[in-house]
Amino acid sequence: MAADALSRVFSALADPTRRDMVARLAVGDATVNELAAPYDVSLQAVSKHLKVLEDAGLVSRSREAQRRPVHLEAQVFDLMTKWIERYRRQAEERYRRLDDVLAAMPDDVAPAPKEGTPS
C-alpha cells in the first residue's frame, strides 16, 4: 500500500461515523442494514460511507446467499501502525536525549531571576 493509500485510510477515518462503523466491524461482519441501524441517516448515506471505507481498503463486501456482509480488512491497520510507530520511536529518542541533557545539568544551578524583580 503506497503513501497515498495511507492518506486515503486516514481521510476515511477522519469522519466519526466511519470510525464508528470500523469499530463495530471490528467486533464482526455486518450487513448495510445492520450498520445503518444506529444512525439517523438513509441507507444510501451509509452506503456512501462504506464506499469510502472500501476505496481506502478498510472494508470489503462479500456475498453469502441473500446476505452481503461487510468485512473489516484488519491488515490495513498494520500499515497505519508501522507509520505511527516510526514517528513514536523518533519522538521517544528525542525525549531520551533531552533526559540525558537534563540529567547532566548540575543540581545546584539557581534559577534565573524573573525580569522586574530585585536580585
N, C-alpha and C. Protein backbone atom coordinates (compact mmCIF):
# COMPACT_ATOMS: atom_id res chain seq x y z
N MET A 1 0.85 -1.18 0.00
CA MET A 1 0.00 0.00 0.00
C MET A 1 0.89 1.24 0.00
N ALA A 2 0.73 2.11 -0.94
CA ALA A 2 1.58 3.29 -1.10
C ALA A 2 1.15 4.40 -0.16
N ALA A 3 1.94 5.47 -0.18
CA ALA A 3 1.67 6.59 0.72
C ALA A 3 0.30 7.19 0.47
N ASP A 4 -0.14 7.29 -0.81
CA ASP A 4 -1.46 7.87 -0.98
C ASP A 4 -2.56 6.92 -0.55
N ALA A 5 -2.28 5.64 -0.49
CA ALA A 5 -3.24 4.70 0.10
C ALA A 5 -3.37 4.99 1.59
N LEU A 6 -2.25 5.29 2.23
CA LEU A 6 -2.27 5.65 3.65
C LEU A 6 -3.08 6.93 3.85
N SER A 7 -2.93 7.88 2.96
CA SER A 7 -3.72 9.12 3.03
C SER A 7 -5.21 8.83 2.90
N ARG A 8 -5.57 7.90 2.00
CA ARG A 8 -6.99 7.53 1.86
C ARG A 8 -7.52 6.90 3.14
N VAL A 9 -6.70 6.08 3.79
CA VAL A 9 -7.12 5.43 5.04
C VAL A 9 -7.37 6.49 6.11
N PHE A 10 -6.39 7.38 6.30
CA PHE A 10 -6.56 8.42 7.33
C PHE A 10 -7.73 9.34 6.99
N SER A 11 -7.90 9.66 5.72
CA SER A 11 -9.01 10.50 5.30
C SER A 11 -10.35 9.82 5.58
N ALA A 12 -10.42 8.53 5.27
CA ALA A 12 -11.66 7.78 5.52
C ALA A 12 -11.98 7.75 7.01
N LEU A 13 -10.95 7.63 7.84
CA LEU A 13 -11.16 7.56 9.28
C LEU A 13 -11.34 8.93 9.93
N ALA A 14 -11.24 9.99 9.15
CA ALA A 14 -11.43 11.34 9.70
C ALA A 14 -12.90 11.59 10.07
N ASP A 15 -13.80 10.83 9.48
CA ASP A 15 -15.22 11.00 9.75
C ASP A 15 -15.65 10.15 10.95
N PRO A 16 -16.31 10.73 11.94
CA PRO A 16 -16.69 9.97 13.13
C PRO A 16 -17.66 8.82 12.85
N THR A 17 -18.55 8.98 11.88
CA THR A 17 -19.48 7.90 11.54
C THR A 17 -18.71 6.71 10.99
N ARG A 18 -17.75 6.98 10.11
CA ARG A 18 -16.96 5.88 9.54
C ARG A 18 -16.09 5.23 10.61
N ARG A 19 -15.52 6.02 11.53
CA ARG A 19 -14.75 5.42 12.63
C ARG A 19 -15.62 4.51 13.46
N ASP A 20 -16.87 4.94 13.71
CA ASP A 20 -17.79 4.11 14.48
C ASP A 20 -18.12 2.82 13.73
N MET A 21 -18.31 2.92 12.42
CA MET A 21 -18.58 1.71 11.62
C MET A 21 -17.40 0.74 11.70
N VAL A 22 -16.19 1.27 11.60
CA VAL A 22 -14.99 0.43 11.69
C VAL A 22 -14.94 -0.24 13.06
N ALA A 23 -15.23 0.50 14.11
CA ALA A 23 -15.23 -0.07 15.46
C ALA A 23 -16.26 -1.19 15.57
N ARG A 24 -17.41 -0.99 15.00
CA ARG A 24 -18.45 -2.02 15.05
C ARG A 24 -18.06 -3.23 14.22
N LEU A 25 -17.41 -3.01 13.08
CA LEU A 25 -16.98 -4.13 12.23
C LEU A 25 -15.81 -4.89 12.86
N ALA A 26 -15.09 -4.25 13.78
CA ALA A 26 -14.01 -4.95 14.48
C ALA A 26 -14.57 -6.08 15.34
N VAL A 27 -15.83 -5.95 15.73
CA VAL A 27 -16.49 -6.98 16.54
C VAL A 27 -16.94 -8.13 15.65
N GLY A 28 -17.34 -7.82 14.42
CA GLY A 28 -17.80 -8.86 13.50
C GLY A 28 -18.41 -8.26 12.25
N ASP A 29 -18.52 -9.07 11.21
CA ASP A 29 -19.12 -8.63 9.96
C ASP A 29 -20.56 -8.19 10.19
N ALA A 30 -21.04 -7.31 9.32
CA ALA A 30 -22.42 -6.82 9.42
C ALA A 30 -22.92 -6.44 8.04
N THR A 31 -24.22 -6.44 7.87
CA THR A 31 -24.82 -6.00 6.61
C THR A 31 -24.96 -4.48 6.65
N VAL A 32 -25.27 -3.91 5.49
CA VAL A 32 -25.50 -2.47 5.42
C VAL A 32 -26.66 -2.09 6.34
N ASN A 33 -27.71 -2.87 6.33
CA ASN A 33 -28.86 -2.58 7.21
C ASN A 33 -28.46 -2.61 8.68
N GLU A 34 -27.66 -3.59 9.06
CA GLU A 34 -27.20 -3.69 10.45
C GLU A 34 -26.32 -2.50 10.81
N LEU A 35 -25.47 -2.09 9.87
CA LEU A 35 -24.60 -0.94 10.13
C LEU A 35 -25.41 0.35 10.20
N ALA A 36 -26.47 0.45 9.42
CA ALA A 36 -27.28 1.67 9.36
C ALA A 36 -28.17 1.85 10.58
N ALA A 37 -28.48 0.77 11.28
CA ALA A 37 -29.48 0.81 12.35
C ALA A 37 -29.29 1.94 13.37
N PRO A 38 -28.09 2.17 13.92
CA PRO A 38 -28.00 3.20 14.97
C PRO A 38 -27.95 4.64 14.46
N TYR A 39 -27.91 4.83 13.15
CA TYR A 39 -27.75 6.19 12.61
C TYR A 39 -29.07 6.71 12.08
N ASP A 40 -29.26 8.00 12.20
CA ASP A 40 -30.46 8.65 11.67
C ASP A 40 -30.14 9.20 10.28
N VAL A 41 -29.72 8.28 9.39
CA VAL A 41 -29.41 8.64 8.01
C VAL A 41 -29.98 7.56 7.10
N SER A 42 -30.02 7.87 5.81
CA SER A 42 -30.56 6.92 4.84
C SER A 42 -29.58 5.77 4.59
N LEU A 43 -30.10 4.69 4.04
CA LEU A 43 -29.24 3.57 3.63
C LEU A 43 -28.25 4.04 2.57
N GLN A 44 -28.68 4.96 1.74
CA GLN A 44 -27.80 5.50 0.69
C GLN A 44 -26.61 6.21 1.33
N ALA A 45 -26.84 6.97 2.39
CA ALA A 45 -25.74 7.67 3.07
C ALA A 45 -24.78 6.66 3.70
N VAL A 46 -25.32 5.62 4.31
CA VAL A 46 -24.46 4.58 4.89
C VAL A 46 -23.66 3.90 3.79
N SER A 47 -24.29 3.62 2.66
CA SER A 47 -23.59 3.01 1.53
C SER A 47 -22.46 3.90 1.03
N LYS A 48 -22.67 5.20 1.03
CA LYS A 48 -21.60 6.13 0.61
C LYS A 48 -20.43 6.07 1.59
N HIS A 49 -20.73 6.03 2.89
CA HIS A 49 -19.67 5.90 3.89
C HIS A 49 -18.89 4.60 3.66
N LEU A 50 -19.62 3.51 3.41
CA LEU A 50 -18.97 2.23 3.17
C LEU A 50 -18.13 2.25 1.91
N LYS A 51 -18.57 2.97 0.90
CA LYS A 51 -17.80 3.08 -0.34
C LYS A 51 -16.46 3.77 -0.07
N VAL A 52 -16.46 4.81 0.77
CA VAL A 52 -15.22 5.49 1.14
C VAL A 52 -14.29 4.52 1.88
N LEU A 53 -14.86 3.77 2.82
CA LEU A 53 -14.06 2.79 3.57
C LEU A 53 -13.53 1.70 2.65
N GLU A 54 -14.35 1.29 1.69
CA GLU A 54 -13.94 0.25 0.74
C GLU A 54 -12.84 0.77 -0.18
N ASP A 55 -12.97 1.99 -0.68
CA ASP A 55 -11.94 2.59 -1.55
C ASP A 55 -10.61 2.74 -0.82
N ALA A 56 -10.67 2.93 0.49
CA ALA A 56 -9.45 3.06 1.29
C ALA A 56 -8.87 1.69 1.66
N GLY A 57 -9.59 0.62 1.33
CA GLY A 57 -9.10 -0.72 1.63
C GLY A 57 -9.42 -1.19 3.05
N LEU A 58 -10.24 -0.43 3.76
CA LEU A 58 -10.56 -0.78 5.14
C LEU A 58 -11.63 -1.86 5.27
N VAL A 59 -12.53 -1.93 4.29
CA VAL A 59 -13.58 -2.94 4.33
C VAL A 59 -13.72 -3.59 2.96
N SER A 60 -14.32 -4.76 2.97
CA SER A 60 -14.67 -5.44 1.72
C SER A 60 -16.08 -5.99 1.90
N ARG A 61 -16.72 -6.29 0.78
CA ARG A 61 -18.06 -6.86 0.82
C ARG A 61 -18.03 -8.21 0.11
N SER A 62 -18.78 -9.13 0.65
CA SER A 62 -18.87 -10.44 0.02
C SER A 62 -20.35 -10.79 -0.14
N ARG A 63 -20.58 -11.93 -0.75
CA ARG A 63 -21.97 -12.36 -0.94
C ARG A 63 -22.13 -13.74 -0.32
N GLU A 64 -23.08 -13.84 0.60
CA GLU A 64 -23.43 -15.11 1.23
C GLU A 64 -24.92 -15.31 1.02
N ALA A 65 -25.28 -16.04 -0.02
CA ALA A 65 -26.69 -16.23 -0.40
C ALA A 65 -27.34 -14.86 -0.60
N GLN A 66 -28.36 -14.55 0.18
CA GLN A 66 -29.03 -13.25 0.05
C GLN A 66 -28.34 -12.15 0.86
N ARG A 67 -27.42 -12.53 1.69
CA ARG A 67 -26.76 -11.60 2.61
C ARG A 67 -25.47 -11.08 1.98
N ARG A 68 -25.20 -9.78 2.13
CA ARG A 68 -23.95 -9.18 1.64
C ARG A 68 -23.22 -8.54 2.80
N PRO A 69 -22.51 -9.33 3.58
CA PRO A 69 -21.84 -8.76 4.76
C PRO A 69 -20.65 -7.88 4.39
N VAL A 70 -20.42 -6.90 5.24
CA VAL A 70 -19.26 -6.02 5.13
C VAL A 70 -18.23 -6.56 6.11
N HIS A 71 -17.00 -6.66 5.65
CA HIS A 71 -15.92 -7.27 6.44
C HIS A 71 -14.79 -6.25 6.62
N LEU A 72 -14.29 -6.13 7.84
CA LEU A 72 -13.17 -5.24 8.14
C LEU A 72 -11.87 -5.90 7.67
N GLU A 73 -11.06 -5.17 6.92
CA GLU A 73 -9.77 -5.67 6.44
C GLU A 73 -8.69 -5.20 7.42
N ALA A 74 -8.46 -5.99 8.43
CA ALA A 74 -7.60 -5.60 9.55
C ALA A 74 -6.15 -5.38 9.17
N GLN A 75 -5.67 -5.98 8.07
CA GLN A 75 -4.26 -5.81 7.70
C GLN A 75 -3.93 -4.35 7.36
N VAL A 76 -4.93 -3.56 7.02
CA VAL A 76 -4.69 -2.13 6.75
C VAL A 76 -4.19 -1.44 8.01
N PHE A 77 -4.62 -1.91 9.17
CA PHE A 77 -4.18 -1.31 10.42
C PHE A 77 -2.70 -1.56 10.67
N ASP A 78 -2.16 -2.65 10.12
CA ASP A 78 -0.72 -2.90 10.23
C ASP A 78 0.07 -1.78 9.54
N LEU A 79 -0.40 -1.36 8.37
CA LEU A 79 0.25 -0.26 7.65
C LEU A 79 0.23 1.02 8.48
N MET A 80 -0.93 1.32 9.06
CA MET A 80 -1.07 2.52 9.88
C MET A 80 -0.19 2.43 11.12
N THR A 81 -0.17 1.26 11.73
CA THR A 81 0.63 1.06 12.94
C THR A 81 2.11 1.26 12.65
N LYS A 82 2.60 0.73 11.55
CA LYS A 82 4.01 0.90 11.18
C LYS A 82 4.34 2.37 10.98
N TRP A 83 3.45 3.09 10.32
CA TRP A 83 3.68 4.52 10.06
C TRP A 83 3.72 5.30 11.38
N ILE A 84 2.76 5.05 12.26
CA ILE A 84 2.69 5.74 13.55
C ILE A 84 3.88 5.35 14.42
N GLU A 85 4.23 4.08 14.42
CA GLU A 85 5.34 3.59 15.25
C GLU A 85 6.66 4.25 14.89
N ARG A 86 6.89 4.48 13.62
CA ARG A 86 8.13 5.14 13.19
C ARG A 86 8.26 6.52 13.86
N TYR A 87 7.20 7.29 13.86
CA TYR A 87 7.25 8.63 14.46
C TYR A 87 7.25 8.58 15.98
N ARG A 88 6.62 7.57 16.56
CA ARG A 88 6.66 7.40 18.01
C ARG A 88 8.08 7.13 18.47
N ARG A 89 8.79 6.27 17.74
CA ARG A 89 10.19 5.97 18.08
C ARG A 89 11.07 7.22 17.97
N GLN A 90 10.84 8.01 16.93
CA GLN A 90 11.62 9.24 16.79
C GLN A 90 11.36 10.19 17.96
N ALA A 91 10.12 10.33 18.36
CA ALA A 91 9.79 11.22 19.48
C ALA A 91 10.41 10.69 20.77
N GLU A 92 10.35 9.38 20.99
CA GLU A 92 10.96 8.79 22.19
C GLU A 92 12.46 9.05 22.23
N GLU A 93 13.13 8.95 21.09
CA GLU A 93 14.57 9.20 21.04
C GLU A 93 14.88 10.66 21.39
N ARG A 94 14.07 11.59 20.90
CA ARG A 94 14.27 13.00 21.26
C ARG A 94 14.10 13.20 22.76
N TYR A 95 13.08 12.58 23.36
CA TYR A 95 12.88 12.69 24.81
C TYR A 95 14.03 12.07 25.58
N ARG A 96 14.56 10.95 25.08
CA ARG A 96 15.71 10.33 25.74
C ARG A 96 16.92 11.27 25.73
N ARG A 97 17.16 11.91 24.60
CA ARG A 97 18.29 12.86 24.53
C ARG A 97 18.06 14.04 25.46
N LEU A 98 16.83 14.53 25.55
CA LEU A 98 16.52 15.63 26.47
C LEU A 98 16.74 15.18 27.91
N ASP A 99 16.29 13.97 28.24
CA ASP A 99 16.52 13.43 29.59
C ASP A 99 18.02 13.37 29.91
N ASP A 100 18.83 12.96 28.92
CA ASP A 100 20.28 12.89 29.13
C ASP A 100 20.87 14.27 29.40
N VAL A 101 20.42 15.27 28.65
CA VAL A 101 20.90 16.64 28.85
C VAL A 101 20.50 17.14 30.23
N LEU A 102 19.25 16.92 30.60
CA LEU A 102 18.78 17.37 31.91
C LEU A 102 19.50 16.65 33.05
N ALA A 103 19.78 15.38 32.87
CA ALA A 103 20.48 14.61 33.90
C ALA A 103 21.92 15.09 34.06
N ALA A 104 22.52 15.59 32.99
CA ALA A 104 23.91 16.04 33.04
C ALA A 104 24.04 17.44 33.64
N MET A 105 22.93 18.15 33.77
CA MET A 105 22.99 19.51 34.32
C MET A 105 23.21 19.43 35.83
N PRO A 106 24.02 20.36 36.36
CA PRO A 106 24.24 20.36 37.82
C PRO A 106 22.95 20.73 38.55
N ASP A 107 22.77 20.11 39.73
CA ASP A 107 21.56 20.35 40.52
C ASP A 107 21.60 21.68 41.26
N ASP A 108 22.79 22.24 41.45
CA ASP A 108 22.91 23.44 42.29
C ASP A 108 22.80 24.74 41.51
N VAL A 109 22.33 24.70 40.29
CA VAL A 109 22.17 25.92 39.50
C VAL A 109 20.91 26.62 39.97
N ALA A 110 21.07 27.88 40.41
CA ALA A 110 19.92 28.65 40.86
C ALA A 110 19.15 29.14 39.67
N PRO A 111 17.83 29.19 39.77
CA PRO A 111 17.03 29.68 38.64
C PRO A 111 17.33 31.16 38.40
N ALA A 112 17.27 31.59 37.17
CA ALA A 112 17.48 33.00 36.81
C ALA A 112 16.36 33.83 37.39
N PRO A 113 16.68 35.04 37.90
CA PRO A 113 15.62 35.89 38.45
C PRO A 113 14.69 36.34 37.35
N LYS A 114 13.42 36.52 37.71
CA LYS A 114 12.44 36.98 36.74
C LYS A 114 12.68 38.46 36.50
N GLU A 115 12.34 38.89 35.30
CA GLU A 115 12.50 40.31 34.95
C GLU A 115 11.64 41.18 35.85
N GLY A 116 12.19 42.29 36.26
CA GLY A 116 11.45 43.25 37.07
C GLY A 116 11.46 42.95 38.56
N THR A 117 12.11 41.86 38.99
CA THR A 117 12.19 41.57 40.41
C THR A 117 13.64 41.79 40.85
N PRO A 118 13.82 42.36 42.03
CA PRO A 118 15.19 42.58 42.51
C PRO A 118 15.90 41.26 42.80
N SER A 119 17.21 41.24 42.55
CA SER A 119 18.01 40.01 42.80
C SER A 119 18.43 39.91 44.22
